[in-house]
Amino acid sequence: MTSLDGAPHITGSFDCSGNKLTTLEGAPRKINGDFNCSGNLLNCLKGAPAKVKGSFDCSRNRLIALTGAPRKLKGLFDCSGNLLVSIYGAPLETGSFNCSSNRLRSLQGAPDEVRFDFDCSHNQLSSLDGAPEFVNGHFFCSNNLLENLEHGPVEVSGDFNCSGNRLTSLQRFPKKVAGALDCSGNPAVSCDTARQEPGNRCVRLVQGGATRCYCQDSNPAKPVALSPPSSPINTAI
């Protein structure tokens, strides 16, 4: 299918994914359920429904802009797997927000309010400027170019994943993370460099909402535990 001309007015969800659409012109203006236009050839969202009560999935297209996206959503807004360098035009409020696997260098334009998860992993971000202050679910910023966590969330109610970046410290870490922390795959993250021997690396362990630290030798066969945990969630650098 290459066009939505003649699409019916519906009362539930609308799924036009996996086609060859280059425009959303002709789509219903209001969707009471979910709207799915993923896996097409779209480069913008012009013609998309103005109101969607559920989730909006425009992933795996060729989007270079979010112009035309609805302003508010209760569910997930998924624009992952596109060619976006900017997320201006994204909804102001959404349940969860997924802009992973794009070409983003900035989070300016991200939703002001995210009620659940926020995923900006696998981009080209060197700063978290523009990220929401409060995330009531998980926050993923892994596999970017981050050298620090400045401008990141203040509070995260779920897990925090900053693995695969260029972090050398956890300064500016959120004041509160209720879930697990994954800071693996960074060059030299240390939560207490004074306690580390040369050649050791810092391991962060989260258990019951509390974060603990011990140092592990770069040779996994020779661990050196400063604060041995019991059955932790373990993420090593």
Protein backbone atom coordinates (compact mmCIF):
# COMPACT_ATOMS: atom_id res chain seq x y z
CA MET A 1 0.00 0.00 0.00
CA THR A 2 1.34 3.42 -0.95
CA SER A 3 -1.47 5.76 0.14
CA LEU A 4 -3.99 6.23 2.96
CA ASP A 5 -6.48 8.02 0.74
CA GLY A 6 -9.94 6.70 1.51
CA ALA A 7 -9.01 5.40 4.97
CA PRO A 8 -12.15 4.94 7.09
CA HIS A 9 -12.97 6.76 10.31
CA ILE A 10 -12.50 4.28 13.13
CA THR A 11 -13.21 4.08 16.86
CA GLY A 12 -10.31 1.84 17.89
CA SER A 13 -6.67 1.43 16.82
CA PHE A 14 -5.22 2.02 13.35
CA ASP A 15 -2.32 -0.04 11.97
CA CYS A 16 -0.77 0.82 8.60
CA SER A 17 2.69 -0.56 9.37
CA GLY A 18 4.89 -2.48 6.95
CA ASN A 19 3.77 -0.76 3.76
CA LYS A 20 5.39 1.69 1.34
CA LEU A 21 3.79 4.88 2.59
CA THR A 22 5.64 8.12 1.93
CA THR A 23 2.95 10.30 3.53
CA LEU A 24 0.27 9.98 6.20
CA GLU A 25 -2.14 12.25 4.34
CA GLY A 26 -5.56 10.63 4.48
CA ALA A 27 -5.11 9.09 7.94
CA PRO A 28 -7.93 9.54 10.47
CA ARG A 29 -7.65 12.78 12.47
CA LYS A 30 -8.53 11.16 15.78
CA ILE A 31 -7.59 7.72 17.10
CA ASN A 32 -9.11 6.40 20.32
CA GLY A 33 -6.60 3.56 20.53
CA ASP A 34 -3.06 3.11 19.15
CA PHE A 35 -1.64 4.40 15.86
CA ASN A 36 1.08 2.35 14.14
CA CYS A 37 2.79 3.58 10.98
CA SER A 38 6.12 1.83 11.56
CA GLY A 39 8.14 0.19 8.80
CA ASN A 40 7.21 2.54 5.97
CA LEU A 41 9.09 5.14 3.90
CA LEU A 42 8.03 8.28 5.78
CA ASN A 43 10.38 11.24 6.14
CA CYS A 44 7.98 13.35 8.22
CA LEU A 45 4.68 12.91 10.08
CA LYS A 46 2.62 15.42 8.15
CA GLY A 47 -0.95 14.15 7.96
CA ALA A 48 -0.71 12.07 11.14
CA PRO A 49 -3.69 12.01 13.52
CA ALA A 50 -3.86 15.13 15.68
CA LYS A 51 -5.18 13.18 18.66
CA VAL A 52 -4.15 9.67 19.70
CA LYS A 53 -5.33 8.31 23.06
CA GLY A 54 -3.00 5.30 23.12
CA SER A 55 0.50 4.83 21.69
CA PHE A 56 2.06 6.25 18.51
CA ASP A 57 4.62 4.09 16.70
CA CYS A 58 6.52 5.67 13.80
CA SER A 59 9.68 3.60 14.22
CA ARG A 60 11.73 2.15 11.35
CA ASN A 61 10.94 4.78 8.76
CA ARG A 62 13.17 7.42 7.16
CA LEU A 63 12.10 10.27 9.39
CA ILE A 64 14.29 13.36 9.43
CA ALA A 65 11.72 15.44 11.36
CA LEU A 66 8.83 14.87 13.79
CA THR A 67 6.69 17.61 12.30
CA GLY A 68 3.06 16.54 12.55
CA ALA A 69 3.32 14.39 15.68
CA PRO A 70 0.44 14.65 18.18
CA ARG A 71 1.09 17.01 21.11
CA LYS A 72 0.01 14.69 23.93
CA LEU A 73 -0.10 10.91 24.36
CA LYS A 74 -1.02 8.61 27.20
CA GLY A 75 0.99 5.70 25.82
CA LEU A 76 4.37 5.18 24.13
CA PHE A 77 5.78 7.48 21.47
CA ASP A 78 8.29 5.41 19.49
CA CYS A 79 10.39 7.15 16.83
CA SER A 80 13.35 4.77 17.08
CA GLY A 81 15.28 3.49 14.08
CA ASN A 82 15.00 6.58 11.91
CA LEU A 83 17.37 9.27 10.57
CA LEU A 84 16.54 11.96 13.12
CA VAL A 85 19.14 14.54 14.10
CA SER A 86 16.59 16.50 16.13
CA ILE A 87 13.45 15.66 18.10
CA TYR A 88 11.83 19.07 17.89
CA GLY A 89 8.16 18.48 17.21
CA ALA A 90 7.92 15.52 19.59
CA PRO A 91 4.90 15.33 21.93
CA LEU A 92 5.04 17.61 24.97
CA GLU A 93 3.65 14.86 27.19
CA THR A 94 3.81 11.10 26.74
CA GLY A 95 3.71 7.86 28.66
CA SER A 96 7.05 6.46 27.46
CA PHE A 97 9.42 7.97 24.89
CA ASN A 98 11.79 6.03 22.64
CA CYS A 99 14.11 7.93 20.30
CA SER A 100 16.87 5.31 20.26
CA SER A 101 18.90 4.31 17.19
CA ASN A 102 18.83 7.65 15.41
CA ARG A 103 21.51 10.28 14.73
CA LEU A 104 20.64 12.62 17.58
CA ARG A 105 23.26 15.02 18.90
CA SER A 106 20.86 16.80 21.24
CA LEU A 107 17.77 16.05 23.32
CA GLN A 108 16.40 19.55 22.92
CA GLY A 109 12.73 19.22 22.07
CA ALA A 110 12.19 16.09 24.17
CA PRO A 111 8.90 15.84 26.10
CA ASP A 112 8.65 17.92 29.26
CA GLU A 113 6.83 15.09 31.00
CA VAL A 114 7.47 11.35 30.66
CA ARG A 115 5.30 9.19 32.88
CA PHE A 116 7.19 5.94 32.31
CA ASP A 117 10.42 5.09 30.37
CA PHE A 118 12.80 7.31 28.39
CA ASP A 119 15.21 5.71 25.89
CA CYS A 120 17.75 7.80 23.95
CA SER A 121 20.35 5.03 23.54
CA HIS A 122 22.37 4.37 20.36
CA ASN A 123 22.66 7.96 19.16
CA GLN A 124 25.49 10.52 18.91
CA LEU A 125 24.73 12.44 22.10
CA SER A 126 27.55 14.28 23.83
CA SER A 127 25.17 15.93 26.31
CA LEU A 128 21.92 15.08 28.11
CA ASP A 129 20.74 18.67 27.88
CA GLY A 130 17.03 18.56 27.15
CA ALA A 131 16.34 15.29 28.99
CA PRO A 132 13.34 15.32 31.36
CA GLU A 133 14.14 16.08 35.01
CA PHE A 134 11.92 13.34 36.38
CA VAL A 135 11.48 9.90 34.81
CA ASN A 136 8.90 7.66 36.47
CA GLY A 137 10.29 4.52 34.82
CA HIS A 138 13.65 3.50 33.32
CA PHE A 139 16.18 5.87 31.73
CA PHE A 140 18.49 4.57 28.98
CA CYS A 141 21.27 6.71 27.48
CA SER A 142 23.68 3.88 26.62
CA ASN A 143 25.94 3.77 23.55
CA ASN A 144 26.37 7.48 22.99
CA LEU A 145 29.34 9.87 23.24
CA LEU A 146 28.69 11.12 26.78
CA GLU A 147 31.68 12.24 28.85
CA ASN A 148 29.54 13.29 31.82
CA LEU A 149 25.96 13.07 33.07
CA GLU A 150 25.36 16.80 33.36
CA HIS A 151 21.79 17.91 32.57
CA GLY A 152 20.48 14.37 33.05
CA PRO A 153 17.42 13.47 35.13
CA VAL A 154 17.28 14.43 38.80
CA GLU A 155 15.19 11.40 39.76
CA VAL A 156 14.64 8.06 38.02
CA SER A 157 12.07 5.67 39.48
CA GLY A 158 13.43 2.64 37.61
CA ASP A 159 16.80 1.56 36.18
CA PHE A 160 19.52 3.91 34.89
CA ASN A 161 21.69 2.65 32.01
CA CYS A 162 24.61 4.82 30.88
CA SER A 163 26.78 1.97 29.58
CA GLY A 164 28.93 2.20 26.46
CA ASN A 165 29.78 5.89 26.67
CA ARG A 166 32.97 7.89 27.41
CA LEU A 167 32.30 8.53 31.09
CA THR A 168 35.25 8.95 33.43
CA SER A 169 33.18 9.59 36.57
CA LEU A 170 29.63 9.45 37.85
CA GLN A 171 29.53 13.10 38.84
CA ARG A 172 26.14 14.70 38.22
CA PHE A 173 24.53 11.29 38.67
CA PRO A 174 20.79 11.57 39.48
CA LYS A 175 20.04 12.29 43.12
CA LYS A 176 17.75 9.28 43.21
CA VAL A 177 17.68 6.05 41.18
CA ALA A 178 15.26 3.50 42.56
CA GLY A 179 16.33 0.61 40.31
CA ALA A 180 19.60 -0.82 39.00
CA LEU A 181 22.56 1.05 37.56
CA ASP A 182 24.51 -0.14 34.52
CA CYS A 183 27.64 1.92 33.82
CA SER A 184 29.60 -0.83 32.09
CA GLY A 185 31.65 -0.24 28.96
CA ASN A 186 32.99 3.18 29.94
CA PRO A 187 36.73 3.99 29.97
CA ALA A 188 37.27 4.70 33.68
CA VAL A 189 34.15 5.24 35.73
CA SER A 190 35.03 5.46 39.39
CA CYS A 191 32.79 6.21 42.34
CA ASP A 192 35.76 6.43 44.71
CA THR A 193 39.11 6.58 42.91
CA ALA A 194 41.00 6.91 46.18
CA ARG A 195 40.07 3.36 47.11
CA GLN A 196 41.25 1.79 43.87
CA GLU A 197 44.57 0.12 43.23
CA PRO A 198 46.27 0.75 39.85
CA GLY A 199 44.77 -1.54 37.24
CA ASN A 200 41.53 -1.99 39.15
CA ARG A 201 38.15 -0.95 37.86
CA CYS A 202 35.06 0.14 39.71
CA VAL A 203 32.02 -2.10 39.94
CA ARG A 204 28.66 -0.66 40.89
CA LEU A 205 26.21 -2.92 42.64
CA VAL A 206 22.57 -2.14 43.27
CA GLN A 207 20.57 -4.11 45.78
CA GLY A 208 17.22 -3.23 47.25
CA GLY A 209 17.40 0.31 45.94
CA ALA A 210 20.81 0.98 47.53
CA THR A 211 23.97 1.35 45.44
CA ARG A 212 27.24 -0.15 46.69
CA CYS A 213 30.73 -0.17 45.27
CA TYR A 214 33.77 -2.41 45.16
CA CYS A 215 36.85 -2.55 42.99
CA GLN A 216 37.63 -5.42 40.67
CA ASP A 217 41.01 -6.07 39.06
CA SER A 218 41.06 -5.67 35.29
CA ASN A 219 41.84 -9.39 35.19
CA PRO A 220 38.49 -11.06 36.04
CA ALA A 221 40.36 -14.00 37.57
CA LYS A 222 41.67 -11.75 40.35
CA PRO A 223 38.77 -9.81 41.87
CA VAL A 224 39.43 -7.52 44.81
CA ALA A 225 36.24 -6.78 46.70
CA LEU A 226 36.25 -3.79 49.01
CA SER A 227 32.62 -4.12 49.99
CA PRO A 228 31.57 -7.69 49.16
CA PRO A 229 27.87 -7.86 48.31
CA SER A 230 25.46 -10.74 48.46
CA SER A 231 23.49 -11.59 45.30
CA PRO A 232 23.71 -8.12 43.75
CA ILE A 233 22.86 -6.79 40.36
CA ASN A 234 26.43 -6.50 39.05
CA THR A 235 27.65 -4.20 36.31
CA ALA A 236 31.39 -3.94 35.74
CA ILE A 237 33.52 -1.57 33.72
